[in-house]
Amino acid sequence: MPSSHTTAVVFAYHSVGVRCIKTLLARGITIELVVTHEDNPAETIWFESVAALCKEHGIPTITPADPKSTELHAQVAAIAPDFIFSFYYRNMLPLELLALAKRGAYNLHGSLLPKYRGRVPVNWAVLHGETETGATLHEMALKPDAGAIIAQTMVPILPDDTAFDVFGKLTVASEQTLWSALPGLIAGTAPNLSNDLAKGSYFGGRKPEDGRINWEQTAQQVYNLHRAVAPPYPGAFTELHGKTYVIGKARLNTISTAKNTIDLPTGLCVVDNAILGVCGDGRALTIMELLLNGEVVTAKALDAALKSGYV
């Protein structure tokens, strides 16, 4: 029979990490140690802080550079936790470390596995025009996001949702998934569902350069790229006369407006004092916010740049 005192070591970062730690505490699990990341000064920190939450609750927190270190292994071995959980922790955990959890090691992943295994699954799902994604709690294994599925919660991706919008939904879905699964995990009755990798997909990380717009693509493809990397992510960008313009906010024009842009060259243009991004299929994005060095560019300023070759 399981002990009434259930312990865990948690690897966590981001808002999902914060929400899931709160869920573990609400379910009565004693968190003996949290392993998190130092914030990267080069990254826009728009999400909640795991370290701050742990300080508030008096939970010991460490930020090792390498989760494969012998020091970390020894520290977790001394705790001998019932469970190890990973909630948006960014590094793979070695099998030797996972084996220290007496009753299993589980990860919360931001997709409906086996689809979108790997890095930044929310951004990839939006980029590919998916209409739904979700949160999956699964056993950790040697390969990333490859272990048996314990529970999943689906969320919709609406046509104009950005990755930031979807991430907000997934933060709630992560809490729901974990909350529902924990009683079964604690009781030892949680299901183990197939995670058939042959039916899924794997994607790596994305770099800011991957936000470069190819205006020869269809308007839907360019719009999906914008939604996938819109602020607070680095943003979809294009270069004009040696300057880099980033799309802050945009919408996809309806098919009925295509006749107004079909004869325009692809790329940025100004029509009737509105900034458009004309794409390879003749359709366009209406760009409500265009940024240059973080400052909003007016239609008048862009029109002058287009005509003169400089701002």
Protein backbone atom coordinates (compact mmCIF):
# COMPACT_ATOMS: atom_id res chain seq x y z
CA MET A 1 0.00 0.00 0.00
CA PRO A 2 1.31 3.49 -0.79
CA SER A 3 2.41 5.65 2.09
CA SER A 4 0.13 8.52 3.05
CA HIS A 5 3.23 10.72 2.83
CA THR A 6 4.12 11.06 -0.85
CA THR A 7 7.36 12.81 -1.79
CA ALA A 8 8.66 14.25 -5.04
CA VAL A 9 11.66 15.92 -6.64
CA VAL A 10 10.50 18.35 -9.31
CA PHE A 11 12.35 19.71 -12.34
CA ALA A 12 10.43 22.81 -13.45
CA TYR A 13 10.49 26.14 -15.25
CA HIS A 14 8.04 28.59 -16.81
CA SER A 15 4.38 29.23 -15.96
CA VAL A 16 3.55 25.55 -16.47
CA GLY A 17 6.14 24.69 -13.82
CA VAL A 18 4.57 27.17 -11.41
CA ARG A 19 1.02 25.91 -12.01
CA CYS A 20 2.00 22.25 -11.70
CA ILE A 21 4.01 22.75 -8.49
CA LYS A 22 0.94 24.43 -7.00
CA THR A 23 -1.13 21.42 -8.11
CA LEU A 24 1.24 18.93 -6.45
CA LEU A 25 1.07 20.91 -3.20
CA ALA A 26 -2.73 21.07 -3.40
CA ARG A 27 -2.84 17.27 -3.79
CA GLY A 28 -0.78 16.87 -0.62
CA ILE A 29 2.53 15.87 -2.17
CA THR A 30 5.65 16.90 -0.26
CA ILE A 31 8.16 18.49 -2.64
CA GLU A 32 11.62 17.84 -1.21
CA LEU A 33 13.60 19.64 -3.93
CA VAL A 34 12.96 21.72 -7.06
CA VAL A 35 15.54 21.89 -9.84
CA THR A 36 15.07 24.87 -12.15
CA HIS A 37 17.00 27.14 -14.53
CA GLU A 38 18.74 30.45 -14.10
CA ASP A 39 16.88 33.04 -16.20
CA ASN A 40 18.72 33.87 -19.42
CA PRO A 41 19.30 37.67 -19.61
CA ALA A 42 19.09 37.43 -23.41
CA GLU A 43 15.57 35.97 -23.24
CA THR A 44 12.33 37.90 -22.77
CA ILE A 45 11.00 36.63 -19.44
CA TRP A 46 7.23 36.95 -19.83
CA PHE A 47 6.37 33.90 -17.72
CA GLU A 48 6.07 33.19 -14.01
CA SER A 49 9.06 32.29 -11.83
CA VAL A 50 9.43 28.81 -10.34
CA ALA A 51 12.25 30.05 -8.09
CA ALA A 52 10.04 32.81 -6.67
CA LEU A 53 7.22 30.36 -5.95
CA CYS A 54 9.56 27.96 -4.18
CA LYS A 55 10.99 30.78 -2.06
CA GLU A 56 7.44 31.70 -1.05
CA HIS A 57 6.71 28.11 0.01
CA GLY A 58 10.10 27.37 1.56
CA ILE A 59 10.95 24.65 -0.96
CA PRO A 60 14.70 24.05 -1.51
CA THR A 61 15.70 25.10 -5.02
CA ILE A 62 18.86 24.54 -7.05
CA THR A 63 19.92 25.52 -10.57
CA PRO A 64 22.62 23.08 -11.71
CA ALA A 65 24.10 23.69 -15.14
CA ASP A 66 24.05 19.96 -15.95
CA PRO A 67 21.33 17.55 -14.77
CA LYS A 68 23.76 14.70 -15.48
CA SER A 69 26.12 15.83 -12.72
CA THR A 70 27.15 13.34 -10.04
CA GLU A 71 26.37 15.94 -7.38
CA LEU A 72 22.73 16.20 -8.46
CA HIS A 73 22.44 12.41 -8.69
CA ALA A 74 23.73 12.06 -5.14
CA GLN A 75 21.38 14.76 -3.87
CA VAL A 76 18.29 13.11 -5.40
CA ALA A 77 19.46 9.65 -4.28
CA ALA A 78 19.67 10.90 -0.70
CA ILE A 79 16.07 12.10 -0.92
CA ALA A 80 14.88 8.82 -2.52
CA PRO A 81 11.61 10.40 -3.69
CA ASP A 82 8.45 8.52 -4.57
CA PHE A 83 8.14 10.51 -7.80
CA ILE A 84 10.22 12.67 -10.10
CA PHE A 85 8.27 15.19 -12.16
CA SER A 86 9.42 17.41 -15.02
CA PHE A 87 7.31 20.44 -15.91
CA TYR A 88 8.79 22.45 -18.79
CA TYR A 89 12.32 21.82 -17.59
CA ARG A 90 14.47 22.32 -20.68
CA ASN A 91 17.02 19.52 -20.37
CA MET A 92 16.70 15.78 -20.85
CA LEU A 93 17.12 13.83 -17.62
CA PRO A 94 19.40 10.75 -17.64
CA LEU A 95 17.86 7.33 -17.03
CA GLU A 96 20.11 6.82 -13.99
CA LEU A 97 18.48 9.86 -12.40
CA LEU A 98 14.95 8.84 -13.34
CA ALA A 99 15.53 5.41 -11.79
CA LEU A 100 15.91 7.07 -8.37
CA ALA A 101 12.13 7.69 -8.25
CA LYS A 102 10.66 4.74 -6.39
CA ARG A 103 7.25 5.03 -8.02
CA GLY A 104 7.98 6.58 -11.39
CA ALA A 105 9.20 9.64 -13.28
CA TYR A 106 6.73 11.71 -15.28
CA ASN A 107 6.89 14.67 -17.66
CA LEU A 108 4.23 17.19 -18.69
CA HIS A 109 4.53 17.95 -22.43
CA GLY A 110 2.73 20.68 -24.36
CA SER A 111 1.24 18.65 -27.19
CA LEU A 112 -1.10 15.74 -27.82
CA LEU A 113 1.55 13.05 -27.95
CA PRO A 114 2.78 11.37 -30.04
CA LYS A 115 2.39 14.51 -32.20
CA TYR A 116 4.95 17.28 -31.74
CA ARG A 117 7.48 15.51 -29.59
CA GLY A 118 10.59 17.58 -28.90
CA ARG A 119 11.15 21.29 -28.44
CA VAL A 120 8.71 24.26 -28.51
CA PRO A 121 5.68 22.13 -29.44
CA VAL A 122 3.20 25.02 -29.14
CA ASN A 123 5.05 27.13 -31.70
CA TRP A 124 5.36 24.24 -34.13
CA ALA A 125 1.66 23.36 -33.84
CA VAL A 126 0.61 26.94 -34.62
CA LEU A 127 3.13 27.18 -37.48
CA HIS A 128 1.65 24.07 -39.08
CA GLY A 129 -1.89 25.38 -38.85
CA GLU A 130 -3.17 22.84 -36.33
CA THR A 131 -6.66 23.44 -34.97
CA GLU A 132 -6.03 21.72 -31.65
CA THR A 133 -3.21 20.69 -29.35
CA GLY A 134 -3.02 19.81 -25.69
CA ALA A 135 -1.12 18.78 -22.58
CA THR A 136 0.15 15.22 -22.04
CA LEU A 137 1.43 13.64 -18.84
CA HIS A 138 3.68 10.70 -19.69
CA GLU A 139 6.39 8.47 -18.30
CA MET A 140 9.91 9.67 -18.99
CA ALA A 141 12.09 7.39 -21.11
CA LEU A 142 15.43 7.44 -22.92
CA LYS A 143 13.98 9.23 -25.95
CA PRO A 144 12.25 12.60 -25.47
CA ASP A 145 8.48 12.46 -24.95
CA ALA A 146 8.44 8.75 -25.74
CA GLY A 147 7.14 7.04 -22.58
CA ALA A 148 3.67 5.68 -21.91
CA ILE A 149 0.87 8.25 -21.76
CA ILE A 150 -0.93 8.71 -18.44
CA ALA A 151 -3.40 11.50 -19.30
CA GLN A 152 -4.13 14.17 -21.90
CA THR A 153 -6.23 17.33 -22.14
CA MET A 154 -7.07 18.92 -25.51
CA VAL A 155 -7.29 22.66 -26.18
CA PRO A 156 -8.45 24.36 -29.40
CA ILE A 157 -6.22 26.55 -31.54
CA LEU A 158 -8.51 29.20 -32.98
CA PRO A 159 -7.72 30.72 -36.40
CA ASP A 160 -6.26 33.94 -34.97
CA ASP A 161 -4.60 32.49 -31.85
CA THR A 162 -0.91 33.25 -31.43
CA ALA A 163 1.45 30.82 -29.74
CA PHE A 164 1.24 33.06 -26.67
CA ASP A 165 -2.55 32.65 -26.63
CA VAL A 166 -2.27 28.88 -26.94
CA PHE A 167 0.39 28.70 -24.24
CA GLY A 168 -2.04 30.35 -21.84
CA LYS A 169 -4.60 27.65 -22.57
CA LEU A 170 -1.99 24.92 -22.16
CA THR A 171 -0.94 26.27 -18.78
CA VAL A 172 -4.48 25.66 -17.55
CA ALA A 173 -4.72 22.33 -19.39
CA SER A 174 -1.47 21.21 -17.71
CA GLU A 175 -2.98 21.89 -14.29
CA GLN A 176 -6.15 20.00 -15.23
CA THR A 177 -4.22 17.02 -16.60
CA LEU A 178 -1.99 16.71 -13.55
CA TRP A 179 -4.83 17.28 -11.08
CA SER A 180 -6.89 14.49 -12.66
CA ALA A 181 -3.97 12.05 -12.93
CA LEU A 182 -2.44 12.44 -9.47
CA PRO A 183 -4.92 10.32 -7.47
CA GLY A 184 -4.27 7.37 -9.79
CA LEU A 185 -0.51 7.89 -9.67
CA ILE A 186 -0.54 8.03 -5.86
CA ALA A 187 -2.78 4.97 -5.62
CA GLY A 188 -0.77 3.05 -8.23
CA THR A 189 -3.78 2.68 -10.53
CA ALA A 190 -2.94 5.23 -13.27
CA PRO A 191 -3.40 3.95 -16.83
CA ASN A 192 -0.48 3.38 -19.18
CA LEU A 193 -1.63 4.25 -22.69
CA SER A 194 0.31 3.62 -25.88
CA ASN A 195 2.54 6.41 -27.18
CA ASP A 196 3.01 5.13 -30.74
CA LEU A 197 5.95 7.16 -32.05
CA ALA A 198 5.34 5.92 -35.59
CA LYS A 199 2.07 7.89 -35.61
CA GLY A 200 3.64 11.07 -34.27
CA SER A 201 6.22 13.70 -35.16
CA TYR A 202 9.38 15.19 -33.68
CA PHE A 203 10.67 18.76 -34.01
CA GLY A 204 13.76 20.50 -32.72
CA GLY A 205 14.20 23.96 -31.25
CA ARG A 206 13.63 27.20 -33.14
CA LYS A 207 15.95 30.20 -33.49
CA PRO A 208 15.00 33.84 -34.11
CA GLU A 209 16.30 33.45 -37.69
CA ASP A 210 13.53 30.90 -38.29
CA GLY A 211 11.10 33.82 -38.13
CA ARG A 212 12.29 35.21 -41.49
CA ILE A 213 9.30 35.66 -43.80
CA ASN A 214 9.24 34.14 -47.27
CA TRP A 215 6.69 36.33 -49.03
CA GLU A 216 6.42 33.83 -51.88
CA GLN A 217 4.53 31.50 -49.55
CA THR A 218 0.75 31.64 -49.29
CA ALA A 219 -0.83 34.25 -47.04
CA GLN A 220 -2.03 31.49 -44.71
CA GLN A 221 1.53 30.14 -44.35
CA VAL A 222 2.93 33.61 -43.62
CA TYR A 223 0.11 34.29 -41.16
CA ASN A 224 0.79 30.98 -39.40
CA LEU A 225 4.46 31.96 -39.07
CA HIS A 226 3.46 35.31 -37.59
CA ARG A 227 1.10 33.64 -35.11
CA ALA A 228 3.74 31.06 -34.16
CA VAL A 229 6.44 33.60 -33.28
CA ALA A 230 4.49 36.80 -32.49
CA PRO A 231 5.64 38.77 -29.44
CA PRO A 232 6.64 38.00 -26.74
CA TYR A 233 8.51 35.56 -29.01
CA PRO A 234 11.06 37.20 -31.37
CA GLY A 235 8.50 37.77 -34.14
CA ALA A 236 8.22 37.18 -37.89
CA PHE A 237 10.50 39.59 -39.71
CA THR A 238 11.46 40.86 -43.13
CA GLU A 239 14.31 43.05 -44.37
CA LEU A 240 13.91 46.18 -46.45
CA HIS A 241 16.81 48.41 -47.52
CA GLY A 242 19.05 46.84 -44.88
CA LYS A 243 16.57 47.37 -42.04
CA THR A 244 14.75 44.59 -40.19
CA TYR A 245 11.01 45.01 -39.72
CA VAL A 246 9.11 42.76 -37.27
CA ILE A 247 5.39 42.12 -37.42
CA GLY A 248 3.86 42.86 -34.02
CA LYS A 249 0.18 42.42 -34.86
CA ALA A 250 -1.53 41.30 -38.07
CA ARG A 251 -4.61 39.65 -39.45
CA LEU A 252 -5.24 37.58 -42.54
CA ASN A 253 -7.25 39.38 -45.17
CA THR A 254 -10.40 37.70 -46.40
CA ILE A 255 -10.50 36.15 -49.86
CA SER A 256 -12.82 38.97 -50.98
CA THR A 257 -10.00 41.50 -50.54
CA ALA A 258 -7.56 39.50 -52.68
CA LYS A 259 -8.57 41.41 -55.83
CA ASN A 260 -7.11 44.54 -54.24
CA THR A 261 -3.67 43.01 -53.86
CA ILE A 262 -3.38 40.48 -56.69
CA ASP A 263 -1.35 42.85 -58.90
CA LEU A 264 0.96 44.12 -56.16
CA PRO A 265 4.52 42.82 -55.75
CA THR A 266 5.11 40.47 -52.84
CA GLY A 267 6.37 41.91 -49.57
CA LEU A 268 5.56 45.03 -47.59
CA CYS A 269 3.50 47.74 -49.21
CA VAL A 270 1.18 50.60 -48.26
CA VAL A 271 -2.35 50.80 -49.72
CA ASP A 272 -4.88 53.43 -48.62
CA ASN A 273 -2.74 54.31 -45.62
CA ALA A 274 -2.70 50.67 -44.46
CA ILE A 275 0.37 48.45 -44.23
CA LEU A 276 -0.01 45.18 -46.10
CA GLY A 277 2.19 42.13 -46.52
CA VAL A 278 1.46 40.71 -49.96
CA CYS A 279 2.09 36.98 -50.36
CA GLY A 280 2.73 34.57 -53.20
CA ASP A 281 -0.90 33.61 -53.69
CA GLY A 282 -1.94 37.25 -54.19
CA ARG A 283 -3.58 37.45 -50.77
CA ALA A 284 -2.23 39.70 -48.03
CA LEU A 285 -1.87 40.27 -44.33
CA THR A 286 -3.05 43.56 -42.91
CA ILE A 287 -0.29 44.59 -40.52
CA MET A 288 -1.70 46.60 -37.63
CA GLU A 289 1.66 46.91 -35.88
CA LEU A 290 5.00 46.92 -37.68
CA LEU A 291 8.13 47.38 -35.57
CA LEU A 292 11.58 48.74 -36.40
CA ASN A 293 14.09 48.52 -33.55
CA GLY A 294 11.17 48.01 -31.19
CA GLU A 295 9.37 51.19 -32.30
CA VAL A 296 6.08 51.26 -34.20
CA VAL A 297 6.39 52.23 -37.87
CA THR A 298 3.56 54.29 -39.34
CA ALA A 299 2.14 53.66 -42.78
CA LYS A 300 3.43 57.09 -43.82
CA ALA A 301 6.98 56.29 -42.68
CA LEU A 302 6.95 52.91 -44.40
CA ASP A 303 5.60 54.44 -47.60
CA ALA A 304 8.47 56.94 -47.56
CA ALA A 305 10.96 54.12 -46.98
CA LEU A 306 9.54 52.09 -49.85
CA LYS A 307 9.77 55.06 -52.23
CA SER A 308 13.16 56.38 -51.18
CA GLY A 309 15.07 53.31 -50.07
CA TYR A 310 15.70 54.67 -46.57
CA VAL A 311 13.75 55.84 -43.51
